[in-house]
N, C-alpha and C. Protein backbone atom coordinates (compact mmCIF):
# COMPACT_ATOMS: atom_id res chain seq x y z
N MET A 1 -3.84 -15.65 -10.91
CA MET A 1 -4.96 -15.01 -10.12
C MET A 1 -4.15 -14.75 -8.74
N THR A 2 -4.37 -13.30 -8.20
CA THR A 2 -3.59 -13.18 -6.94
C THR A 2 -4.26 -13.96 -6.10
N THR A 3 -3.43 -14.24 -4.98
CA THR A 3 -3.87 -14.97 -3.87
C THR A 3 -5.37 -13.54 -3.06
N ALA A 4 -5.56 -12.68 -3.11
CA ALA A 4 -6.56 -11.80 -3.07
C ALA A 4 -7.77 -11.91 -3.76
N ALA A 5 -7.45 -12.02 -4.96
CA ALA A 5 -8.44 -12.56 -5.86
C ALA A 5 -8.94 -13.71 -5.80
N LYS A 6 -8.21 -14.96 -5.67
CA LYS A 6 -8.86 -16.21 -5.20
C LYS A 6 -9.73 -15.93 -3.98
N THR A 7 -9.07 -15.35 -2.85
CA THR A 7 -9.73 -15.38 -1.34
C THR A 7 -11.14 -14.41 -1.88
N ALA A 8 -11.52 -13.29 -2.73
CA ALA A 8 -12.46 -12.76 -2.91
C ALA A 8 -13.48 -13.44 -3.60
N ALA A 9 -13.06 -14.43 -4.65
CA ALA A 9 -14.04 -15.04 -5.27
C ALA A 9 -14.34 -16.08 -4.71
N LYS A 10 -13.47 -16.65 -3.59
CA LYS A 10 -14.22 -17.99 -2.56
C LYS A 10 -15.41 -17.37 -1.75
N ARG A 11 -15.10 -16.16 -1.32
CA ARG A 11 -15.88 -15.79 -0.16
C ARG A 11 -17.02 -15.57 -0.49
N PRO A 12 -18.04 -16.42 0.09
CA PRO A 12 -19.50 -15.97 0.14
C PRO A 12 -19.95 -14.73 0.39
N ARG A 13 -20.97 -14.18 -0.32
CA ARG A 13 -21.63 -12.69 0.02
C ARG A 13 -22.91 -13.29 0.67
N HIS A 14 -23.24 -13.07 1.76
CA HIS A 14 -24.81 -13.46 2.42
C HIS A 14 -25.10 -12.20 2.98
N LEU A 15 -26.07 -11.56 2.80
CA LEU A 15 -26.78 -10.76 3.61
C LEU A 15 -27.67 -11.49 4.61
N SER A 16 -27.65 -10.81 5.88
CA SER A 16 -28.33 -11.29 7.07
C SER A 16 -29.64 -10.82 6.71
N PRO A 17 -30.63 -11.91 6.92
CA PRO A 17 -31.87 -11.52 6.52
C PRO A 17 -32.57 -10.44 7.73
N VAL A 18 -31.99 -10.58 9.11
CA VAL A 18 -32.30 -9.85 10.24
C VAL A 18 -32.08 -8.01 9.73
N SER A 19 -30.69 -7.79 9.40
CA SER A 19 -30.06 -6.58 9.57
C SER A 19 -30.02 -6.21 8.12
N GLY A 20 -29.86 -7.16 6.97
CA GLY A 20 -29.71 -6.57 5.77
C GLY A 20 -28.03 -6.54 5.62
N ARG A 21 -27.26 -6.64 6.42
CA ARG A 21 -25.94 -6.17 6.53
C ARG A 21 -25.05 -7.37 5.94
N ASP A 22 -24.17 -6.99 5.46
CA ASP A 22 -23.09 -8.27 4.86
C ASP A 22 -22.80 -8.95 6.15
N GLU A 23 -22.72 -10.30 5.99
CA GLU A 23 -22.38 -11.56 7.05
C GLU A 23 -20.67 -11.03 7.59
N ALA A 24 -20.38 -10.41 6.41
CA ALA A 24 -18.29 -10.99 6.68
C ALA A 24 -18.35 -9.73 7.81
N ALA A 25 -19.41 -8.77 8.13
CA ALA A 25 -18.98 -7.35 8.90
C ALA A 25 -19.07 -8.32 10.33
N ARG A 26 -19.63 -9.37 10.55
CA ARG A 26 -19.77 -9.88 12.06
C ARG A 26 -18.09 -10.59 12.06
N GLU A 27 -17.63 -10.74 11.42
CA GLU A 27 -16.41 -11.27 11.37
C GLU A 27 -14.99 -10.53 11.87
N ASP A 28 -15.58 -9.26 11.72
CA ASP A 28 -14.64 -8.05 11.85
C ASP A 28 -13.90 -7.96 13.12
N ILE A 29 -12.54 -8.50 13.24
CA ILE A 29 -11.83 -8.32 14.51
C ILE A 29 -11.57 -7.05 15.00
N VAL A 30 -11.86 -5.98 14.55
CA VAL A 30 -12.06 -4.51 15.06
C VAL A 30 -13.29 -4.55 15.70
N GLY A 31 -14.22 -4.66 15.36
CA GLY A 31 -15.43 -4.49 15.68
C GLY A 31 -15.70 -5.30 17.07
N ASP A 32 -15.46 -6.64 17.21
CA ASP A 32 -15.32 -7.55 18.49
C ASP A 32 -14.32 -6.70 19.29
N GLY A 33 -13.19 -6.09 18.98
CA GLY A 33 -12.22 -5.61 20.11
C GLY A 33 -13.35 -4.08 20.43
N MET A 34 -13.75 -3.66 19.77
CA MET A 34 -14.58 -2.25 20.11
C MET A 34 -15.69 -2.97 20.99
N HIS A 35 -16.35 -3.80 21.00
CA HIS A 35 -17.33 -4.53 22.23
C HIS A 35 -16.78 -4.55 23.25
N ARG A 36 -15.45 -5.37 23.10
CA ARG A 36 -14.92 -5.60 24.39
C ARG A 36 -14.12 -4.33 25.21
N TRP A 37 -13.78 -3.05 24.50
CA TRP A 37 -13.62 -1.95 24.79
C TRP A 37 -15.00 -1.01 25.72
N ARG A 38 -15.99 -1.35 25.02
CA ARG A 38 -16.78 -0.71 25.64
C ARG A 38 -17.69 -1.52 26.83
N ARG A 39 -17.39 -2.60 26.75
CA ARG A 39 -17.79 -3.67 27.94
C ARG A 39 -16.68 -3.34 29.14
N GLU A 40 -15.28 -3.35 28.93
CA GLU A 40 -14.68 -3.25 30.05
C GLU A 40 -14.44 -1.47 30.41
N ARG A 41 -14.53 -1.03 29.41
CA ARG A 41 -13.99 0.69 29.36
C ARG A 41 -15.06 1.77 28.98
N PRO A 42 -16.38 1.52 29.46
CA PRO A 42 -17.59 2.23 28.90
C PRO A 42 -17.25 3.60 29.09
N ASP A 43 -16.48 3.96 29.83
CA ASP A 43 -15.98 5.34 30.14
C ASP A 43 -15.03 6.38 29.17
N ILE A 44 -14.71 5.47 28.21
CA ILE A 44 -13.73 5.75 27.18
C ILE A 44 -14.64 5.69 25.62
N ASP A 45 -14.27 6.71 24.76
CA ASP A 45 -14.99 6.63 23.40
C ASP A 45 -14.11 6.26 22.54
N CYS A 46 -14.50 5.10 22.25
CA CYS A 46 -13.33 4.13 21.31
C CYS A 46 -14.06 4.39 20.00
N SER A 47 -14.99 5.50 19.52
CA SER A 47 -15.44 5.15 18.16
C SER A 47 -14.46 5.43 17.20
N GLY A 48 -13.41 6.13 17.61
CA GLY A 48 -12.16 6.03 16.20
C GLY A 48 -11.62 4.78 15.61
N LYS A 49 -11.79 3.84 16.62
CA LYS A 49 -11.52 2.72 16.18
C LYS A 49 -12.07 1.94 14.95
N ALA A 50 -13.52 2.66 14.99
CA ALA A 50 -14.17 2.09 13.62
C ALA A 50 -13.86 2.14 12.59
N VAL A 51 -12.87 3.26 12.42
CA VAL A 51 -12.27 3.71 10.79
C VAL A 51 -10.30 3.48 11.31
N VAL A 52 -9.84 3.94 12.37
CA VAL A 52 -8.38 3.93 12.31
C VAL A 52 -8.23 2.36 12.58
N GLY A 53 -8.79 1.72 14.05
CA GLY A 53 -8.23 0.26 13.64
C GLY A 53 -8.29 -0.28 12.67
N ARG A 54 -9.38 -0.26 11.87
CA ARG A 54 -9.80 -0.79 10.65
C ARG A 54 -8.76 -0.63 9.52
N ILE A 55 -8.10 0.83 9.72
CA ILE A 55 -7.56 1.02 8.30
C ILE A 55 -5.91 0.25 9.00
N LEU A 56 -5.43 0.41 10.42
CA LEU A 56 -4.72 -0.23 10.48
C LEU A 56 -4.47 -1.70 10.26
N ARG A 57 -5.71 -2.61 10.85
CA ARG A 57 -6.11 -3.91 10.04
C ARG A 57 -5.69 -4.22 8.81
N LEU A 58 -6.37 -3.40 8.07
CA LEU A 58 -6.56 -3.73 6.73
C LEU A 58 -5.06 -3.51 6.30
N GLN A 59 -3.90 -2.35 6.52
CA GLN A 59 -2.65 -2.23 6.43
C GLN A 59 -2.06 -3.67 6.09
N GLY A 60 -2.21 -4.27 7.05
CA GLY A 60 -1.21 -5.93 7.20
C GLY A 60 -1.62 -6.56 6.04
N VAL A 61 -3.16 -6.78 6.08
CA VAL A 61 -3.71 -7.77 4.81
C VAL A 61 -3.43 -7.18 3.40
N ILE A 62 -3.22 -5.86 3.19
CA ILE A 62 -2.79 -5.19 2.22
C ILE A 62 -1.68 -5.74 1.78
N LEU A 63 -0.55 -5.21 2.71
CA LEU A 63 0.87 -5.71 2.56
C LEU A 63 0.94 -7.14 2.28
N ARG A 64 0.04 -8.11 3.09
CA ARG A 64 0.43 -9.48 2.93
C ARG A 64 0.21 -10.00 1.25
N GLU A 65 -1.11 -9.14 1.10
CA GLU A 65 -1.61 -9.71 -0.40
C GLU A 65 -0.57 -9.13 -1.74
N VAL A 66 -0.05 -7.82 -1.23
CA VAL A 66 0.64 -7.25 -2.09
C VAL A 66 1.97 -7.97 -2.35
N ASP A 67 2.58 -8.30 -1.19
CA ASP A 67 3.91 -8.81 -1.26
C ASP A 67 4.03 -10.42 -1.80
N ALA A 68 2.81 -10.96 -1.46
CA ALA A 68 2.51 -12.49 -2.31
C ALA A 68 2.47 -11.89 -4.04
N ALA A 69 1.70 -10.96 -4.30
CA ALA A 69 1.84 -10.38 -5.59
C ALA A 69 3.21 -10.22 -6.48
N LEU A 70 3.86 -9.83 -5.87
CA LEU A 70 5.17 -9.23 -6.17
C LEU A 70 6.23 -10.29 -5.54
N ARG A 71 6.01 -11.41 -4.91
CA ARG A 71 6.83 -12.49 -4.65
C ARG A 71 7.64 -12.97 -6.07
N PRO A 72 6.94 -13.21 -7.10
CA PRO A 72 7.65 -13.95 -8.47
C PRO A 72 8.48 -13.26 -9.15
N PHE A 73 8.53 -11.61 -8.46
CA PHE A 73 9.29 -10.95 -9.30
C PHE A 73 10.73 -10.83 -8.46
N GLY A 74 10.34 -11.41 -7.09
CA GLY A 74 11.69 -11.28 -5.96
C GLY A 74 11.80 -9.77 -5.41
N LEU A 75 10.60 -9.35 -5.44
CA LEU A 75 10.35 -8.25 -4.60
C LEU A 75 9.36 -7.89 -3.34
N LYS A 76 9.54 -7.11 -2.65
CA LYS A 76 8.60 -6.83 -1.30
C LYS A 76 8.24 -5.37 -1.40
N TYR A 77 7.06 -5.02 -1.18
CA TYR A 77 6.63 -3.58 -1.28
C TYR A 77 7.52 -2.45 -1.18
N PRO A 78 8.44 -2.31 -0.20
CA PRO A 78 9.31 -1.46 -0.13
C PRO A 78 10.15 -1.29 -1.56
N ALA A 79 10.92 -2.46 -1.79
CA ALA A 79 11.75 -2.10 -2.79
C ALA A 79 10.81 -1.65 -4.55
N TYR A 80 9.65 -2.47 -4.34
CA TYR A 80 8.61 -2.18 -5.45
C TYR A 80 8.41 -0.61 -5.53
N ALA A 81 8.09 -0.32 -4.43
CA ALA A 81 7.44 1.19 -4.33
C ALA A 81 8.66 1.82 -4.65
N VAL A 82 10.12 1.84 -4.67
CA VAL A 82 11.15 2.82 -5.24
C VAL A 82 10.81 2.62 -6.63
N LEU A 83 10.96 1.06 -7.17
CA LEU A 83 11.02 1.10 -8.79
C LEU A 83 9.87 1.66 -9.31
N ALA A 84 8.58 1.54 -8.65
CA ALA A 84 7.49 2.18 -9.44
C ALA A 84 7.45 3.37 -9.10
N THR A 85 7.70 4.12 -8.14
CA THR A 85 7.79 5.45 -7.99
C THR A 85 8.72 6.01 -9.00
N LEU A 86 10.09 5.65 -9.18
CA LEU A 86 10.90 5.92 -10.40
C LEU A 86 10.15 5.97 -11.38
N ARG A 87 9.71 4.86 -11.90
CA ARG A 87 8.97 4.65 -13.39
C ARG A 87 7.98 5.42 -13.30
N VAL A 88 7.08 5.93 -12.38
CA VAL A 88 5.74 6.78 -12.70
C VAL A 88 6.60 8.12 -12.92
N ASN A 89 7.60 8.61 -12.49
CA ASN A 89 8.07 9.94 -12.53
C ASN A 89 8.31 10.39 -13.62
N GLY A 90 8.38 9.21 -14.39
CA GLY A 90 8.62 9.61 -16.22
C GLY A 90 9.98 9.63 -16.54
N ALA A 91 10.76 9.87 -17.89
CA ALA A 91 11.79 10.01 -18.01
C ALA A 91 12.27 11.03 -17.69
N PRO A 92 13.88 10.84 -17.23
CA PRO A 92 14.45 10.13 -17.18
C PRO A 92 14.38 9.06 -15.75
N PHE A 93 13.27 8.84 -15.50
CA PHE A 93 13.10 7.78 -14.41
C PHE A 93 14.16 8.23 -12.97
N GLU A 94 14.11 9.71 -12.92
CA GLU A 94 15.02 9.89 -11.67
C GLU A 94 14.29 10.57 -10.54
N MET A 95 15.19 10.66 -9.49
CA MET A 95 14.59 11.37 -8.43
C MET A 95 15.83 11.67 -7.45
N THR A 96 15.70 12.23 -6.18
CA THR A 96 16.32 12.56 -5.60
C THR A 96 16.35 11.43 -4.10
N PRO A 97 17.21 11.11 -3.36
CA PRO A 97 16.75 10.13 -2.23
C PRO A 97 15.75 10.98 -1.28
N SER A 98 16.04 12.28 -1.25
CA SER A 98 15.07 12.90 -0.51
C SER A 98 13.32 12.91 -1.04
N GLU A 99 13.45 13.48 -2.29
CA GLU A 99 12.44 13.18 -2.74
C GLU A 99 11.57 11.79 -2.81
N LEU A 100 12.13 10.61 -2.99
CA LEU A 100 11.85 9.20 -2.63
C LEU A 100 11.36 9.17 -1.31
N THR A 101 12.40 9.58 -0.40
CA THR A 101 11.66 9.28 0.99
C THR A 101 10.45 10.05 1.05
N GLN A 102 10.40 11.10 0.98
CA GLN A 102 9.09 12.06 0.78
C GLN A 102 7.72 11.24 0.24
N SER A 103 8.03 10.75 -0.93
CA SER A 103 7.06 10.16 -1.53
C SER A 103 6.75 8.93 -1.19
N LEU A 104 7.71 8.24 -0.39
CA LEU A 104 7.23 6.85 0.12
C LEU A 104 7.22 6.85 1.38
N LEU A 105 7.16 7.60 2.32
CA LEU A 105 6.97 7.58 3.74
C LEU A 105 8.05 6.74 4.28
N LEU A 106 9.01 7.00 4.07
CA LEU A 106 10.14 5.81 4.66
C LEU A 106 11.17 7.00 5.47
N SER A 107 11.69 6.66 6.39
CA SER A 107 12.87 6.90 7.14
C SER A 107 13.99 7.29 6.29
N SER A 108 15.27 8.43 6.26
CA SER A 108 15.96 8.46 5.53
C SER A 108 16.93 7.29 5.46
N GLY A 109 17.19 6.80 6.51
CA GLY A 109 17.79 5.31 6.84
C GLY A 109 17.45 4.31 5.97
N GLY A 110 16.05 4.32 6.27
CA GLY A 110 15.51 3.13 5.48
C GLY A 110 15.96 3.16 3.99
N THR A 111 15.47 4.42 3.48
CA THR A 111 15.36 4.67 1.92
C THR A 111 16.89 4.41 1.71
N SER A 112 17.82 4.71 2.23
CA SER A 112 19.42 4.29 1.98
C SER A 112 19.68 3.28 1.80
N ASN A 113 19.17 2.73 2.85
CA ASN A 113 19.58 0.91 2.63
C ASN A 113 19.07 0.55 1.68
N LEU A 114 17.64 0.68 1.59
CA LEU A 114 17.03 0.34 0.25
C LEU A 114 17.62 0.25 -1.13
N LEU A 115 17.92 1.47 -1.24
CA LEU A 115 18.56 2.04 -2.32
C LEU A 115 20.14 1.40 -2.63
N ALA A 116 20.68 1.06 -1.45
CA ALA A 116 22.09 0.54 -1.77
C ALA A 116 21.77 -1.19 -2.22
N ARG A 117 20.68 -1.70 -1.58
CA ARG A 117 20.26 -2.75 -1.98
C ARG A 117 20.07 -3.00 -3.26
N LEU A 118 19.06 -1.99 -3.73
CA LEU A 118 18.76 -1.82 -5.24
C LEU A 118 19.52 -1.66 -6.32
N GLU A 119 20.79 -0.87 -5.67
CA GLU A 119 21.82 -0.83 -7.13
C GLU A 119 22.44 -1.84 -6.83
N ARG A 120 22.77 -2.74 -5.58
CA ARG A 120 23.80 -3.91 -5.78
C ARG A 120 23.02 -5.07 -6.74
N GLU A 121 21.98 -4.84 -6.86
CA GLU A 121 21.03 -5.85 -7.47
C GLU A 121 21.03 -5.26 -9.32
N GLY A 122 21.36 -4.00 -9.18
CA GLY A 122 21.43 -3.39 -10.71
C GLY A 122 20.12 -2.85 -11.46
N TYR A 123 19.06 -2.48 -10.34
CA TYR A 123 18.06 -1.98 -10.62
C TYR A 123 17.88 -0.31 -10.76
N VAL A 124 18.94 0.06 -9.98
CA VAL A 124 19.05 1.57 -9.93
C VAL A 124 20.44 1.96 -9.71
N THR A 125 20.77 3.34 -10.52
CA THR A 125 21.95 4.04 -10.22
C THR A 125 22.11 4.77 -9.19
N ARG A 126 23.09 5.41 -8.44
CA ARG A 126 23.08 6.65 -7.63
C ARG A 126 24.37 7.50 -8.37
N THR A 127 23.94 8.87 -8.66
CA THR A 127 25.17 9.21 -9.29
C THR A 127 24.97 10.74 -8.60
N ASN A 128 26.15 11.51 -8.57
CA ASN A 128 26.26 12.96 -8.15
C ASN A 128 25.59 14.26 -9.12
N SER A 129 25.11 14.90 -8.82
CA SER A 129 24.53 15.97 -9.88
C SER A 129 25.71 16.69 -10.63
N THR A 130 25.61 17.18 -11.67
CA THR A 130 26.56 17.76 -12.21
C THR A 130 26.48 19.25 -11.62
N ARG A 131 25.61 19.72 -11.34
CA ARG A 131 25.36 21.19 -10.91
C ARG A 131 25.69 21.12 -9.47
N ASP A 132 25.46 20.09 -8.44
CA ASP A 132 26.16 20.42 -7.09
C ASP A 132 26.80 18.95 -6.72
N ARG A 133 27.58 18.55 -6.33
CA ARG A 133 28.44 17.49 -6.29
C ARG A 133 27.54 17.01 -4.81
N ARG A 134 27.11 17.72 -3.98
CA ARG A 134 26.39 17.20 -3.00
C ARG A 134 25.05 16.27 -2.95
N GLU A 135 24.75 16.80 -4.30
CA GLU A 135 22.86 16.19 -4.64
C GLU A 135 23.44 15.07 -5.38
N VAL A 136 22.67 14.12 -4.91
CA VAL A 136 22.51 12.55 -5.32
C VAL A 136 21.20 12.57 -6.35
N HIS A 137 21.70 11.57 -7.26
CA HIS A 137 20.13 11.44 -8.03
C HIS A 137 20.26 9.80 -8.28
N VAL A 138 18.56 9.19 -8.15
CA VAL A 138 18.83 7.88 -8.26
C VAL A 138 18.06 7.72 -9.59
N ARG A 139 18.42 6.95 -10.31
CA ARG A 139 17.83 6.51 -11.34
C ARG A 139 17.75 5.01 -11.66
N LEU A 140 16.55 5.05 -12.36
CA LEU A 140 16.55 3.34 -12.56
C LEU A 140 17.19 2.92 -13.93
N THR A 141 17.46 1.57 -13.75
CA THR A 141 18.47 1.01 -14.98
C THR A 141 17.53 0.40 -15.91
N GLU A 142 17.83 -0.09 -17.07
CA GLU A 142 16.76 -0.92 -18.12
C GLU A 142 16.35 -2.02 -17.28
N ASP A 143 17.08 -2.50 -16.83
CA ASP A 143 16.82 -4.00 -16.00
C ASP A 143 15.47 -3.72 -14.63
N GLY A 144 15.87 -2.13 -14.19
CA GLY A 144 15.04 -1.94 -13.08
C GLY A 144 13.47 -1.38 -13.61
N LYS A 145 13.54 -0.65 -14.82
CA LYS A 145 12.36 -0.27 -15.52
C LYS A 145 11.84 -1.45 -15.95
N ALA A 146 12.73 -2.40 -16.65
CA ALA A 146 11.71 -3.57 -17.11
C ALA A 146 10.98 -4.11 -15.92
N LEU A 147 11.80 -4.47 -14.78
CA LEU A 147 11.29 -5.33 -13.56
C LEU A 147 9.83 -4.24 -13.15
N ALA A 148 10.21 -3.10 -13.12
CA ALA A 148 8.91 -2.27 -12.38
C ALA A 148 7.88 -2.50 -13.55
N ASP A 149 7.74 -2.41 -14.55
CA ASP A 149 7.05 -2.52 -15.72
C ASP A 149 6.04 -4.05 -15.44
N ARG A 150 6.87 -5.19 -15.20
CA ARG A 150 6.27 -6.50 -15.03
C ARG A 150 5.41 -6.15 -13.87
N ALA A 151 5.96 -5.94 -12.55
CA ALA A 151 5.74 -5.72 -11.50
C ALA A 151 4.72 -4.89 -11.42
N MET A 152 4.31 -3.97 -11.94
CA MET A 152 3.00 -3.03 -11.61
C MET A 152 2.26 -3.67 -11.97
N GLU A 153 2.10 -4.30 -13.00
CA GLU A 153 0.59 -5.07 -13.58
C GLU A 153 0.06 -6.22 -12.21
N ALA A 154 1.01 -6.83 -11.78
CA ALA A 154 0.61 -7.91 -10.94
C ALA A 154 0.24 -6.98 -9.59
N HIS A 155 0.81 -5.85 -9.41
CA HIS A 155 0.65 -4.84 -8.22
C HIS A 155 -0.88 -4.53 -8.41
N ALA A 156 -1.24 -3.95 -9.51
CA ALA A 156 -2.44 -3.37 -9.76
C ALA A 156 -3.58 -4.31 -9.70
N GLU A 157 -3.13 -5.54 -10.37
CA GLU A 157 -4.25 -6.55 -10.16
C GLU A 157 -4.50 -7.01 -9.00
N ALA A 158 -3.62 -7.19 -7.83
CA ALA A 158 -3.79 -7.17 -6.34
C ALA A 158 -4.69 -6.16 -5.73
N GLU A 159 -4.32 -5.20 -6.18
CA GLU A 159 -4.85 -3.89 -5.69
C GLU A 159 -6.58 -4.09 -6.03
N ARG A 160 -6.76 -4.51 -7.46
CA ARG A 160 -8.27 -4.58 -7.73
C ARG A 160 -8.67 -5.41 -7.09
N ALA A 161 -7.98 -6.67 -6.67
CA ALA A 161 -8.67 -7.92 -5.87
C ALA A 161 -8.97 -7.48 -4.49
N LEU A 162 -8.41 -6.66 -3.86
CA LEU A 162 -8.41 -6.29 -2.61
C LEU A 162 -9.79 -5.58 -2.82
N ILE A 163 -10.38 -4.98 -3.39
CA ILE A 163 -11.62 -4.13 -3.45
C ILE A 163 -12.53 -4.49 -4.26
N ALA A 164 -12.56 -5.82 -4.86
CA ALA A 164 -13.44 -6.45 -5.71
C ALA A 164 -15.01 -6.48 -4.92
N ASP A 165 -15.27 -6.46 -3.63
CA ASP A 165 -16.31 -6.50 -3.25
C ASP A 165 -16.66 -5.20 -3.08
N LEU A 166 -16.23 -3.97 -3.25
CA LEU A 166 -16.95 -2.78 -3.80
C LEU A 166 -17.43 -2.46 -4.98
N GLY A 167 -18.58 -1.94 -4.98
CA GLY A 167 -19.04 -1.10 -6.49
C GLY A 167 -18.10 0.02 -6.59
N GLY A 168 -18.51 0.50 -7.91
CA GLY A 168 -17.85 1.63 -8.18
C GLY A 168 -18.14 2.84 -7.68
N LYS A 169 -19.51 3.10 -7.33
CA LYS A 169 -19.41 4.24 -6.28
C LYS A 169 -19.12 4.19 -5.08
N GLU A 170 -19.07 2.85 -4.54
CA GLU A 170 -18.37 2.72 -3.15
C GLU A 170 -16.98 2.92 -3.07
N ARG A 171 -16.51 2.28 -4.01
CA ARG A 171 -14.68 2.60 -4.50
C ARG A 171 -14.73 4.26 -4.13
N ALA A 172 -15.30 4.97 -4.98
CA ALA A 172 -15.42 6.41 -5.29
C ALA A 172 -15.53 6.82 -4.01
N ALA A 173 -16.43 7.00 -3.37
CA ALA A 173 -16.70 7.18 -2.17
C ALA A 173 -15.83 7.17 -0.69
N LEU A 174 -14.98 5.63 -0.58
CA LEU A 174 -14.39 5.73 0.10
C LEU A 174 -13.02 5.99 0.07
N GLY A 175 -12.51 5.76 -1.19
CA GLY A 175 -11.27 6.81 -1.85
C GLY A 175 -11.29 8.19 -1.50
N GLY A 176 -12.44 8.69 -1.71
CA GLY A 176 -12.77 10.45 -1.30
C GLY A 176 -12.40 10.80 0.13
N LEU A 177 -13.07 9.68 0.93
CA LEU A 177 -12.83 9.89 2.34
C LEU A 177 -11.63 9.64 2.91
N LEU A 178 -11.23 8.44 2.12
CA LEU A 178 -9.61 8.43 2.73
C LEU A 178 -8.61 9.46 2.46
N SER A 179 -8.76 10.04 1.12
CA SER A 179 -8.15 11.11 0.67
C SER A 179 -8.49 12.37 1.52
N ARG A 180 -9.45 12.46 2.23
CA ARG A 180 -9.89 13.56 3.15
C ARG A 180 -8.94 13.35 4.49
N LEU A 181 -9.53 12.58 4.98
CA LEU A 181 -8.47 11.93 6.05
C LEU A 181 -6.94 12.48 6.05
N ILE A 182 -6.49 11.86 4.82
CA ILE A 182 -4.93 12.33 4.51
C ILE A 182 -4.57 13.74 4.56
N VAL A 183 -5.45 14.29 3.70
CA VAL A 183 -4.87 15.91 3.66
C VAL A 183 -5.53 16.66 5.19
N VAL A 184 -6.32 16.18 5.58
CA VAL A 184 -6.53 16.74 6.90
C VAL A 184 -5.67 16.63 7.76
N ASN A 185 -5.25 15.58 8.13
CA ASN A 185 -4.52 15.19 9.05
C ASN A 185 -2.97 15.26 9.00
N GLU A 186 -2.39 15.57 7.56
CA GLU A 186 -0.93 15.69 7.16
C GLU A 186 -0.65 17.12 7.42
N ARG A 187 -1.46 17.78 7.52
CA ARG A 187 -1.27 19.68 8.14
C ARG A 187 -0.53 19.62 9.12
């Protein structure tokens, strides 16, 4: 069981008899910060923090839990993301560095350094294209594919544990809303 799953299993869920709201909401650090903003700067509409601040806070929580799930495989999320992205791209499990950079939302320098490390570790190879020598292809090795396959199960389990408190309809609604925010704001 991942750290997130253990935490979710231990966390009591109590509804406040007054508001009917989940008591965990009272522990929300972003909500506390918003109250301070409103007290000290009532002239500024800080309502965006209700969503954006919580997403930013949740990013750190998610990365901590995902990294914990990937630790037994000797991976942290960025390296795992490269391996998993190549793996789900399908045979021959290959992409260009620019395709990976765009897919992973990394800088080109960050991707290059990560690929160099993964190549040294024997998980990927980089080769020049037979059509254009300037074009490079990154391909999973057999070891890289095997590692990705093992780590993907632990990663998916950690993600499920992180959203274990949400029902199916809540998951679908939140997923749809987050997708809409991504599409609208990436334009």
